[in-house]
Amino acid sequence: MKARRQSAILDVVEHEAVRSQEQLRQRLSSRGFDVTQATLSRDIKELGLLKRSSDGAYQPAGAESTSQASALDTLGRALSEYLVNIEPVQQLVVLKTGAGQAQLLGLAIDRSRLPEVAGTLAGDDTILIIARDPKSAQAVVKQLRDLAS
């Protein structure tokens, strides 16, 4: 439930200008998530949401504002919490997660800026990582497995 709620929070703030926790709580309520202010505050902190200086709306913290070490640490935690299975397929890597967790893990992968990764696509419970070549895919699999343990 937490992962689905946090995924919904990210979706809301990426597509709408939400300037207060109350506005965010109302948007989540319309999506079927009844949350308290305390829970919402914790989610905002865990997701690293910031307020834009231009209009005061929430936004995900920019990838450039996090250090590589911090991003890899976050990725390791996300992998250990959400990753169910990892499978290389030529230059692709398919990750399976629990329902509603792929978006959060995909975001952590994107923010880690792994050099072998050309891009990611995340659905509800599956992430597709496109590596630069088959050798890079194997390197990504090894790195993600190492970070997960």
N, C-alpha and C. Protein backbone atom coordinates (compact mmCIF):
# COMPACT_ATOMS: atom_id res chain seq x y z
N MET A 1 0.82 -1.20 0.00
CA MET A 1 0.00 0.00 0.00
C MET A 1 0.87 1.27 0.00
N LYS A 2 1.94 1.25 0.79
CA LYS A 2 2.82 2.41 0.87
C LYS A 2 3.44 2.70 -0.50
N ALA A 3 3.91 1.66 -1.17
CA ALA A 3 4.55 1.86 -2.48
C ALA A 3 3.56 2.42 -3.49
N ARG A 4 2.34 1.91 -3.48
CA ARG A 4 1.31 2.42 -4.40
C ARG A 4 0.99 3.88 -4.09
N ARG A 5 0.87 4.18 -2.81
CA ARG A 5 0.56 5.56 -2.40
C ARG A 5 1.69 6.50 -2.82
N GLN A 6 2.93 6.09 -2.58
CA GLN A 6 4.06 6.94 -2.95
C GLN A 6 4.17 7.09 -4.46
N SER A 7 3.85 6.04 -5.18
CA SER A 7 3.84 6.13 -6.64
C SER A 7 2.77 7.13 -7.09
N ALA A 8 1.61 7.10 -6.45
CA ALA A 8 0.54 8.05 -6.77
C ALA A 8 0.97 9.48 -6.44
N ILE A 9 1.68 9.66 -5.33
CA ILE A 9 2.17 10.99 -4.95
C ILE A 9 3.09 11.52 -6.04
N LEU A 10 4.03 10.69 -6.49
CA LEU A 10 4.95 11.11 -7.54
C LEU A 10 4.19 11.46 -8.82
N ASP A 11 3.21 10.67 -9.16
CA ASP A 11 2.43 10.94 -10.36
C ASP A 11 1.69 12.27 -10.25
N VAL A 12 1.11 12.53 -9.10
CA VAL A 12 0.37 13.78 -8.89
C VAL A 12 1.31 14.98 -9.02
N VAL A 13 2.43 14.96 -8.30
CA VAL A 13 3.29 16.15 -8.30
C VAL A 13 4.02 16.34 -9.62
N GLU A 14 4.18 15.27 -10.40
CA GLU A 14 4.82 15.43 -11.70
C GLU A 14 3.86 15.95 -12.75
N HIS A 15 2.55 15.83 -12.52
CA HIS A 15 1.57 16.25 -13.52
C HIS A 15 0.70 17.44 -13.10
N GLU A 16 0.79 17.84 -11.84
CA GLU A 16 -0.02 18.95 -11.36
C GLU A 16 0.82 19.85 -10.46
N ALA A 17 0.47 21.12 -10.41
CA ALA A 17 1.13 22.06 -9.51
C ALA A 17 0.43 22.00 -8.15
N VAL A 18 0.97 21.21 -7.24
CA VAL A 18 0.39 21.04 -5.91
C VAL A 18 1.25 21.83 -4.94
N ARG A 19 0.63 22.80 -4.25
CA ARG A 19 1.39 23.73 -3.42
C ARG A 19 1.28 23.48 -1.92
N SER A 20 0.40 22.57 -1.50
CA SER A 20 0.26 22.31 -0.07
C SER A 20 -0.01 20.83 0.17
N GLN A 21 0.25 20.41 1.40
CA GLN A 21 -0.04 19.03 1.76
C GLN A 21 -1.54 18.77 1.68
N GLU A 22 -2.34 19.75 2.00
CA GLU A 22 -3.80 19.56 1.94
C GLU A 22 -4.25 19.33 0.49
N GLN A 23 -3.70 20.10 -0.45
CA GLN A 23 -4.03 19.87 -1.86
C GLN A 23 -3.61 18.46 -2.29
N LEU A 24 -2.42 18.05 -1.84
CA LEU A 24 -1.93 16.73 -2.19
C LEU A 24 -2.81 15.64 -1.57
N ARG A 25 -3.21 15.85 -0.31
CA ARG A 25 -4.08 14.89 0.36
C ARG A 25 -5.40 14.75 -0.39
N GLN A 26 -5.96 15.87 -0.87
CA GLN A 26 -7.22 15.83 -1.63
C GLN A 26 -7.05 15.08 -2.95
N ARG A 27 -5.92 15.33 -3.64
CA ARG A 27 -5.67 14.63 -4.91
C ARG A 27 -5.55 13.12 -4.67
N LEU A 28 -4.87 12.74 -3.59
CA LEU A 28 -4.73 11.32 -3.26
C LEU A 28 -6.07 10.72 -2.88
N SER A 29 -6.89 11.46 -2.16
CA SER A 29 -8.21 10.99 -1.76
C SER A 29 -9.06 10.69 -3.00
N SER A 30 -8.96 11.55 -4.02
CA SER A 30 -9.73 11.31 -5.25
C SER A 30 -9.24 10.08 -5.99
N ARG A 31 -8.03 9.62 -5.67
CA ARG A 31 -7.48 8.40 -6.28
C ARG A 31 -7.67 7.19 -5.37
N GLY A 32 -8.37 7.37 -4.26
CA GLY A 32 -8.68 6.25 -3.38
C GLY A 32 -7.71 6.05 -2.23
N PHE A 33 -6.86 7.03 -1.96
CA PHE A 33 -5.91 6.92 -0.85
C PHE A 33 -6.31 7.89 0.24
N ASP A 34 -6.76 7.37 1.37
CA ASP A 34 -7.15 8.20 2.50
C ASP A 34 -5.96 8.25 3.45
N VAL A 35 -5.24 9.38 3.47
CA VAL A 35 -4.02 9.48 4.27
C VAL A 35 -4.13 10.60 5.29
N THR A 36 -3.42 10.41 6.38
CA THR A 36 -3.35 11.45 7.40
C THR A 36 -2.23 12.42 7.03
N GLN A 37 -2.24 13.58 7.67
CA GLN A 37 -1.20 14.57 7.42
C GLN A 37 0.16 14.02 7.82
N ALA A 38 0.23 13.27 8.91
CA ALA A 38 1.50 12.72 9.37
C ALA A 38 2.08 11.72 8.36
N THR A 39 1.22 10.85 7.83
CA THR A 39 1.66 9.88 6.82
C THR A 39 2.13 10.60 5.57
N LEU A 40 1.39 11.60 5.14
CA LEU A 40 1.74 12.37 3.96
C LEU A 40 3.08 13.08 4.16
N SER A 41 3.28 13.64 5.32
CA SER A 41 4.53 14.32 5.63
C SER A 41 5.72 13.36 5.56
N ARG A 42 5.54 12.14 6.10
CA ARG A 42 6.60 11.13 6.02
C ARG A 42 6.87 10.73 4.57
N ASP A 43 5.81 10.55 3.80
CA ASP A 43 5.98 10.19 2.39
C ASP A 43 6.74 11.27 1.63
N ILE A 44 6.40 12.52 1.86
CA ILE A 44 7.07 13.63 1.19
C ILE A 44 8.56 13.61 1.52
N LYS A 45 8.87 13.36 2.78
CA LYS A 45 10.28 13.31 3.19
C LYS A 45 10.99 12.12 2.55
N GLU A 46 10.37 10.93 2.58
CA GLU A 46 10.98 9.73 2.01
C GLU A 46 11.21 9.87 0.51
N LEU A 47 10.27 10.52 -0.17
CA LEU A 47 10.39 10.69 -1.62
C LEU A 47 11.33 11.84 -1.99
N GLY A 48 11.73 12.62 -1.00
CA GLY A 48 12.65 13.73 -1.25
C GLY A 48 12.01 14.85 -2.06
N LEU A 49 10.71 15.08 -1.85
CA LEU A 49 10.04 16.15 -2.59
C LEU A 49 10.48 17.51 -2.06
N LEU A 50 10.63 18.44 -2.98
CA LEU A 50 11.01 19.81 -2.66
C LEU A 50 9.97 20.76 -3.23
N LYS A 51 9.97 21.99 -2.73
CA LYS A 51 9.07 23.00 -3.31
C LYS A 51 9.88 23.87 -4.27
N ARG A 52 9.29 24.08 -5.46
CA ARG A 52 9.93 24.94 -6.45
C ARG A 52 9.91 26.37 -5.96
N SER A 53 10.99 27.09 -6.20
CA SER A 53 11.03 28.49 -5.79
C SER A 53 10.13 29.35 -6.66
N SER A 54 9.91 28.94 -7.91
CA SER A 54 9.12 29.77 -8.82
C SER A 54 7.65 29.86 -8.43
N ASP A 55 7.04 28.72 -8.04
CA ASP A 55 5.61 28.76 -7.75
C ASP A 55 5.22 28.04 -6.45
N GLY A 56 6.18 27.47 -5.74
CA GLY A 56 5.89 26.81 -4.47
C GLY A 56 5.27 25.44 -4.59
N ALA A 57 5.26 24.88 -5.80
CA ALA A 57 4.67 23.55 -6.00
C ALA A 57 5.70 22.47 -5.68
N TYR A 58 5.22 21.33 -5.19
CA TYR A 58 6.10 20.20 -4.91
C TYR A 58 6.68 19.64 -6.20
N GLN A 59 7.91 19.18 -6.10
CA GLN A 59 8.56 18.51 -7.22
C GLN A 59 9.54 17.48 -6.68
N PRO A 60 9.79 16.43 -7.44
CA PRO A 60 10.83 15.48 -7.01
C PRO A 60 12.17 16.19 -7.01
N ALA A 61 13.02 15.82 -6.08
CA ALA A 61 14.36 16.41 -6.04
C ALA A 61 15.06 16.08 -7.34
N GLY A 62 15.75 17.05 -7.92
CA GLY A 62 16.46 16.83 -9.18
C GLY A 62 17.61 15.86 -9.01
N ALA A 63 17.86 15.08 -10.03
CA ALA A 63 18.95 14.10 -9.99
C ALA A 63 20.28 14.80 -9.77
N GLU A 64 20.41 16.03 -10.29
CA GLU A 64 21.67 16.73 -10.15
C GLU A 64 21.94 17.18 -8.72
N SER A 65 20.91 17.20 -7.88
CA SER A 65 21.12 17.66 -6.51
C SER A 65 21.54 16.53 -5.57
N THR A 66 21.59 15.31 -6.06
CA THR A 66 22.01 14.21 -5.21
C THR A 66 23.37 13.70 -5.65
N SER A 67 24.20 13.34 -4.70
CA SER A 67 25.52 12.82 -5.04
C SER A 67 25.39 11.39 -5.55
N GLN A 68 26.40 10.95 -6.30
CA GLN A 68 26.41 9.59 -6.83
C GLN A 68 26.36 8.57 -5.70
N ALA A 69 27.15 8.80 -4.64
CA ALA A 69 27.17 7.86 -3.51
C ALA A 69 25.81 7.77 -2.83
N SER A 70 25.18 8.91 -2.65
CA SER A 70 23.86 8.94 -2.03
C SER A 70 22.83 8.24 -2.92
N ALA A 71 22.91 8.48 -4.22
CA ALA A 71 21.98 7.85 -5.16
C ALA A 71 22.16 6.33 -5.16
N LEU A 72 23.39 5.85 -5.10
CA LEU A 72 23.64 4.41 -5.08
C LEU A 72 23.17 3.80 -3.77
N ASP A 73 23.33 4.53 -2.67
CA ASP A 73 22.84 4.06 -1.37
C ASP A 73 21.31 3.93 -1.40
N THR A 74 20.66 4.93 -1.95
CA THR A 74 19.20 4.89 -2.09
C THR A 74 18.78 3.74 -3.00
N LEU A 75 19.50 3.55 -4.09
CA LEU A 75 19.21 2.45 -5.01
C LEU A 75 19.35 1.11 -4.30
N GLY A 76 20.39 0.94 -3.51
CA GLY A 76 20.58 -0.31 -2.77
C GLY A 76 19.42 -0.60 -1.84
N ARG A 77 18.95 0.42 -1.12
CA ARG A 77 17.80 0.25 -0.23
C ARG A 77 16.54 -0.10 -1.01
N ALA A 78 16.33 0.59 -2.13
CA ALA A 78 15.15 0.33 -2.95
C ALA A 78 15.19 -1.09 -3.53
N LEU A 79 16.37 -1.52 -3.97
CA LEU A 79 16.49 -2.88 -4.52
C LEU A 79 16.19 -3.93 -3.45
N SER A 80 16.75 -3.73 -2.26
CA SER A 80 16.53 -4.73 -1.20
C SER A 80 15.07 -4.77 -0.77
N GLU A 81 14.37 -3.65 -0.92
CA GLU A 81 12.97 -3.60 -0.49
C GLU A 81 12.00 -4.05 -1.59
N TYR A 82 12.27 -3.70 -2.86
CA TYR A 82 11.29 -3.89 -3.92
C TYR A 82 11.62 -5.00 -4.91
N LEU A 83 12.89 -5.33 -5.11
CA LEU A 83 13.27 -6.27 -6.16
C LEU A 83 12.83 -7.70 -5.85
N VAL A 84 12.13 -8.32 -6.79
CA VAL A 84 11.70 -9.71 -6.67
C VAL A 84 12.58 -10.61 -7.55
N ASN A 85 12.85 -10.16 -8.79
CA ASN A 85 13.63 -10.98 -9.72
C ASN A 85 14.34 -10.07 -10.72
N ILE A 86 15.48 -10.53 -11.20
CA ILE A 86 16.23 -9.80 -12.21
C ILE A 86 16.68 -10.79 -13.27
N GLU A 87 16.48 -10.42 -14.54
CA GLU A 87 16.81 -11.33 -15.62
C GLU A 87 17.39 -10.57 -16.81
N PRO A 88 18.62 -10.89 -17.20
CA PRO A 88 19.18 -10.26 -18.39
C PRO A 88 18.65 -10.94 -19.66
N VAL A 89 18.39 -10.15 -20.70
CA VAL A 89 17.96 -10.67 -21.99
C VAL A 89 18.71 -9.85 -23.05
N GLN A 90 19.82 -10.40 -23.52
CA GLN A 90 20.71 -9.72 -24.46
C GLN A 90 21.13 -8.38 -23.87
N GLN A 91 20.78 -7.24 -24.50
CA GLN A 91 21.20 -5.96 -23.93
C GLN A 91 20.12 -5.33 -23.04
N LEU A 92 19.11 -6.11 -22.70
CA LEU A 92 18.03 -5.66 -21.84
C LEU A 92 18.14 -6.34 -20.48
N VAL A 93 17.62 -5.69 -19.46
CA VAL A 93 17.53 -6.28 -18.13
C VAL A 93 16.08 -6.08 -17.66
N VAL A 94 15.44 -7.17 -17.29
CA VAL A 94 14.05 -7.12 -16.83
C VAL A 94 14.04 -7.31 -15.32
N LEU A 95 13.48 -6.34 -14.61
CA LEU A 95 13.34 -6.41 -13.16
C LEU A 95 11.87 -6.59 -12.81
N LYS A 96 11.59 -7.50 -11.89
CA LYS A 96 10.23 -7.69 -11.39
C LYS A 96 10.18 -7.18 -9.95
N THR A 97 9.09 -6.50 -9.63
CA THR A 97 8.85 -5.97 -8.29
C THR A 97 7.47 -6.41 -7.84
N GLY A 98 7.10 -6.02 -6.64
CA GLY A 98 5.74 -6.20 -6.19
C GLY A 98 4.85 -5.20 -6.91
N ALA A 99 3.55 -5.39 -6.84
CA ALA A 99 2.60 -4.49 -7.49
C ALA A 99 2.79 -3.06 -6.99
N GLY A 100 2.86 -2.12 -7.94
CA GLY A 100 2.96 -0.70 -7.60
C GLY A 100 4.34 -0.24 -7.19
N GLN A 101 5.35 -1.08 -7.28
CA GLN A 101 6.68 -0.71 -6.80
C GLN A 101 7.68 -0.39 -7.91
N ALA A 102 7.34 -0.70 -9.14
CA ALA A 102 8.29 -0.51 -10.23
C ALA A 102 8.65 0.96 -10.45
N GLN A 103 7.70 1.86 -10.33
CA GLN A 103 7.97 3.28 -10.54
C GLN A 103 9.00 3.81 -9.54
N LEU A 104 8.86 3.41 -8.28
CA LEU A 104 9.80 3.89 -7.26
C LEU A 104 11.20 3.34 -7.50
N LEU A 105 11.30 2.06 -7.82
CA LEU A 105 12.60 1.47 -8.09
C LEU A 105 13.19 2.05 -9.38
N GLY A 106 12.36 2.25 -10.38
CA GLY A 106 12.82 2.85 -11.63
C GLY A 106 13.39 4.24 -11.42
N LEU A 107 12.75 5.03 -10.58
CA LEU A 107 13.24 6.36 -10.25
C LEU A 107 14.61 6.29 -9.57
N ALA A 108 14.77 5.34 -8.66
CA ALA A 108 16.07 5.17 -7.98
C ALA A 108 17.15 4.77 -8.97
N ILE A 109 16.80 3.91 -9.93
CA ILE A 109 17.77 3.51 -10.96
C ILE A 109 18.15 4.72 -11.81
N ASP A 110 17.16 5.49 -12.24
CA ASP A 110 17.43 6.68 -13.05
C ASP A 110 18.32 7.67 -12.31
N ARG A 111 18.03 7.90 -11.05
CA ARG A 111 18.82 8.87 -10.27
C ARG A 111 20.24 8.40 -9.99
N SER A 112 20.47 7.09 -10.06
CA SER A 112 21.83 6.59 -9.79
C SER A 112 22.76 6.82 -10.98
N ARG A 113 22.20 7.12 -12.13
CA ARG A 113 22.98 7.44 -13.33
C ARG A 113 24.08 6.43 -13.62
N LEU A 114 23.70 5.15 -13.67
CA LEU A 114 24.66 4.10 -14.00
C LEU A 114 25.13 4.30 -15.44
N PRO A 115 26.44 4.32 -15.68
CA PRO A 115 26.93 4.63 -17.03
C PRO A 115 26.55 3.59 -18.09
N GLU A 116 26.31 2.35 -17.68
CA GLU A 116 25.96 1.30 -18.65
C GLU A 116 24.49 1.36 -19.08
N VAL A 117 23.70 2.17 -18.39
CA VAL A 117 22.26 2.23 -18.65
C VAL A 117 21.94 3.35 -19.64
N ALA A 118 21.30 2.98 -20.75
CA ALA A 118 20.87 3.98 -21.72
C ALA A 118 19.51 4.56 -21.34
N GLY A 119 18.66 3.75 -20.68
CA GLY A 119 17.35 4.23 -20.27
C GLY A 119 16.57 3.16 -19.56
N THR A 120 15.44 3.56 -18.97
CA THR A 120 14.56 2.64 -18.26
C THR A 120 13.11 2.92 -18.62
N LEU A 121 12.30 1.89 -18.52
CA LEU A 121 10.84 2.01 -18.64
C LEU A 121 10.26 1.26 -17.45
N ALA A 122 9.33 1.89 -16.73
CA ALA A 122 8.74 1.24 -15.56
C ALA A 122 7.23 1.18 -15.69
N GLY A 123 6.69 0.02 -15.44
CA GLY A 123 5.24 -0.17 -15.40
C GLY A 123 4.80 -0.29 -13.96
N ASP A 124 3.85 -1.16 -13.70
CA ASP A 124 3.34 -1.36 -12.35
C ASP A 124 4.25 -2.27 -11.53
N ASP A 125 4.67 -3.39 -12.13
CA ASP A 125 5.51 -4.34 -11.40
C ASP A 125 6.70 -4.83 -12.22
N THR A 126 7.01 -4.14 -13.31
CA THR A 126 8.11 -4.54 -14.17
C THR A 126 8.89 -3.31 -14.63
N ILE A 127 10.21 -3.45 -14.63
CA ILE A 127 11.09 -2.40 -15.14
C ILE A 127 11.93 -3.00 -16.25
N LEU A 128 12.05 -2.28 -17.34
CA LEU A 128 12.92 -2.67 -18.44
C LEU A 128 14.08 -1.69 -18.47
N ILE A 129 15.28 -2.22 -18.29
CA ILE A 129 16.49 -1.41 -18.38
C ILE A 129 17.11 -1.69 -19.73
N ILE A 130 17.39 -0.65 -20.49
CA ILE A 130 18.06 -0.80 -21.77
C ILE A 130 19.53 -0.45 -21.54
N ALA A 131 20.37 -1.47 -21.66
CA ALA A 131 21.81 -1.27 -21.50
C ALA A 131 22.41 -0.90 -22.85
N ARG A 132 23.62 -0.40 -22.83
CA ARG A 132 24.27 0.04 -24.06
C ARG A 132 24.66 -1.12 -24.98
N ASP A 133 24.89 -2.30 -24.40
CA ASP A 133 25.23 -3.49 -25.17
C ASP A 133 25.09 -4.70 -24.25
N PRO A 134 25.17 -5.93 -24.78
CA PRO A 134 24.99 -7.12 -23.92
C PRO A 134 25.99 -7.20 -22.76
N LYS A 135 27.23 -6.78 -22.99
CA LYS A 135 28.24 -6.80 -21.92
C LYS A 135 27.84 -5.82 -20.80
N SER A 136 27.34 -4.67 -21.19
CA SER A 136 26.87 -3.69 -20.20
C SER A 136 25.68 -4.22 -19.41
N ALA A 137 24.80 -4.97 -20.09
CA ALA A 137 23.64 -5.55 -19.40
C ALA A 137 24.11 -6.50 -18.29
N GLN A 138 25.11 -7.31 -18.60
CA GLN A 138 25.65 -8.23 -17.58
C GLN A 138 26.26 -7.44 -16.42
N ALA A 139 26.94 -6.34 -16.72
CA ALA A 139 27.53 -5.51 -15.67
C ALA A 139 26.44 -4.88 -14.80
N VAL A 140 25.34 -4.45 -15.42
CA VAL A 140 24.23 -3.86 -14.67
C VAL A 140 23.62 -4.91 -13.75
N VAL A 141 23.41 -6.12 -14.26
CA VAL A 141 22.84 -7.19 -13.44
C VAL A 141 23.73 -7.44 -12.22
N LYS A 142 25.03 -7.54 -12.45
CA LYS A 142 25.97 -7.79 -11.33
C LYS A 142 25.91 -6.64 -10.32
N GLN A 143 25.95 -5.41 -10.81
CA GLN A 143 25.93 -4.25 -9.90
C GLN A 143 24.62 -4.20 -9.10
N LEU A 144 23.49 -4.45 -9.75
CA LEU A 144 22.22 -4.39 -9.04
C LEU A 144 22.11 -5.52 -8.01
N ARG A 145 22.58 -6.70 -8.37
CA ARG A 145 22.57 -7.81 -7.40
C ARG A 145 23.47 -7.50 -6.21
N ASP A 146 24.64 -6.91 -6.47
CA ASP A 146 25.54 -6.55 -5.38
C ASP A 146 24.91 -5.50 -4.46
N LEU A 147 24.28 -4.50 -5.08
CA LEU A 147 23.63 -3.43 -4.29
C LEU A 147 22.44 -3.96 -3.48
N ALA A 148 21.76 -4.96 -4.01
CA ALA A 148 20.57 -5.50 -3.35
C ALA A 148 20.93 -6.30 -2.10
N SER A 149 22.15 -6.83 -2.05
CA SER A 149 22.52 -7.68 -0.89
C SER A 149 23.28 -6.94 0.17
